[in-house]
Amino acid sequence: MWIPSESEASQIEQEIVDCSSDIAKYDTEIETLEGVLEELRRKRCEIQRYSDERRSLLSPIRKLPIEILGEIFAASCSGYGLLITTNPEPEGKISAHTLTLSHVCSQWRNFVISTPSLW
């Protein structure tokens, strides 16, 4: 078995110190890059959200006349009026297709609210 001399042991200890210093530098660099990566992900998410919002403005349903949309709403809500009850049994839960439609966008909400026949 090989046993290092004092000068070799001293050199090995210095190499260990150097390695520890290099590891600390890499850890610092990794931490910095992780911060950059997190910021890039946040910006990407922000741009994706903006792109999705812009894309929704071109949605074909926006071109439907409100009268046609009203007919679609009436057909989809017929027989499903808003039922709110205090009955704690499962059959007492809210069945509110109209309410769901009113939460899609402000235009739909305004239409649903201004159309009593949907309620």
Foldseek 3Di string as FASTA:
>chain_A
DDDDDPVVVVVVVVVVVVVVVVVVVVVVVVVVVVVVVVVVVVVVVVVVVVVVVVVVVVDPVVVDDVVVVVVVLLVVQVVQPWQADPDPDPVRDTRHPLVVQLPPDVVSVVSSVVDVSSD
